[in-house]
Amino acid sequence: MVAAAREMLSVARAENVRLAVLMNISAASRVIYAGKRRAAPYRIGRGVAAALLAEAGIPIVSQRDWKTLDRIFSPGLGTG
């Protein structure tokens, strides 16, 4: 996972990524399992890739964070 996260960061830098939209409940996410995968509830926390991207200054947002995504991509408000 660490090697894949480093590769994700390398690609993000090479492509000048300014915002990463990541899936929840994965190594790339902002929502992770709070223990063993199948038995644990979810909790807010950074996965491996999300942590590396954030530490590199690349903002991250969940694909399910509709409020933030709407603000970013609405005409006249963000990049939309």
Protein backbone atom coordinates (compact mmCIF):
# COMPACT_ATOMS: atom_id res chain seq x y z
CA MET A 1 0.00 0.00 0.00
CA VAL A 2 2.81 2.39 0.81
CA ALA A 3 4.49 1.83 -2.57
CA ALA A 4 1.17 2.38 -4.36
CA ALA A 5 0.53 5.55 -2.35
CA ARG A 6 3.96 6.88 -3.27
CA GLU A 7 3.27 6.14 -6.92
CA MET A 8 -0.08 7.95 -6.66
CA LEU A 9 1.73 10.99 -5.24
CA SER A 10 4.33 10.81 -8.01
CA VAL A 11 1.62 10.75 -10.69
CA ALA A 12 -0.28 13.57 -8.96
CA ARG A 13 2.84 15.75 -8.95
CA ALA A 14 3.70 14.91 -12.57
CA GLU A 15 0.17 15.79 -13.68
CA ASN A 16 -0.02 18.95 -11.52
CA VAL A 17 -3.08 17.69 -9.66
CA ARG A 18 -4.71 20.52 -7.70
CA LEU A 19 -7.49 18.48 -6.05
CA ALA A 20 -7.79 14.76 -5.38
CA VAL A 21 -11.29 13.26 -5.25
CA LEU A 22 -10.88 9.99 -3.40
CA MET A 23 -13.14 7.04 -2.62
CA ASN A 24 -14.17 6.39 0.97
CA ILE A 25 -13.15 3.30 2.89
CA SER A 26 -9.91 2.63 1.06
CA ALA A 27 -6.22 3.31 1.50
CA ALA A 28 -6.78 6.47 -0.50
CA SER A 29 -9.62 7.79 1.59
CA ARG A 30 -10.66 10.13 4.35
CA VAL A 31 -13.00 7.52 5.89
CA ILE A 32 -11.42 4.28 7.07
CA TYR A 33 -12.27 1.20 9.09
CA ALA A 34 -11.83 1.53 12.87
CA GLY A 35 -10.35 -1.94 13.30
CA LYS A 36 -10.58 -5.22 11.43
CA ARG A 37 -12.18 -4.58 8.07
CA ARG A 38 -15.40 -6.58 8.26
CA ALA A 39 -16.13 -6.22 11.97
CA ALA A 40 -15.33 -2.57 12.52
CA PRO A 41 -17.38 0.58 12.06
CA TYR A 42 -16.07 3.44 9.98
CA ARG A 43 -14.31 6.50 11.34
CA ILE A 44 -12.84 9.69 9.99
CA GLY A 45 -9.18 9.21 9.26
CA ARG A 46 -6.72 9.30 6.40
CA GLY A 47 -5.66 6.28 4.45
CA VAL A 48 -2.05 5.92 3.31
CA ALA A 49 -2.43 7.70 -0.04
CA ALA A 50 -4.68 10.42 1.37
CA ALA A 51 -2.09 11.18 4.04
CA LEU A 52 0.75 11.44 1.50
CA LEU A 53 -1.27 13.67 -0.82
CA ALA A 54 -2.32 15.95 2.03
CA GLU A 55 1.23 16.17 3.39
CA ALA A 56 2.35 17.20 -0.12
CA GLY A 57 -0.19 20.04 -0.07
CA ILE A 58 -2.73 18.47 -2.43
CA PRO A 59 -6.25 19.01 -1.08
CA ILE A 60 -8.37 15.87 -0.82
CA VAL A 61 -12.13 15.46 -0.83
CA SER A 62 -14.37 12.40 -0.63
CA GLN A 63 -16.39 11.40 -3.67
CA ARG A 64 -19.39 11.41 -1.29
CA ASP A 65 -18.81 14.91 0.03
CA TRP A 66 -21.56 16.41 -2.11
CA LYS A 67 -21.59 19.74 -0.28
CA THR A 68 -17.90 20.43 -0.96
CA LEU A 69 -18.02 19.07 -4.52
CA ASP A 70 -21.08 21.17 -5.31
CA ARG A 71 -19.30 24.31 -4.07
CA ILE A 72 -16.21 23.50 -6.12
CA PHE A 73 -17.96 22.65 -9.37
CA SER A 74 -20.98 24.99 -9.31
CA PRO A 75 -20.90 27.67 -12.01
CA GLY A 76 -19.53 30.93 -10.66
CA LEU A 77 -18.17 29.40 -7.45
CA GLY A 78 -15.25 27.19 -8.30
CA THR A 79 -13.79 25.61 -11.38
CA GLY A 80 -17.18 24.77 -12.96
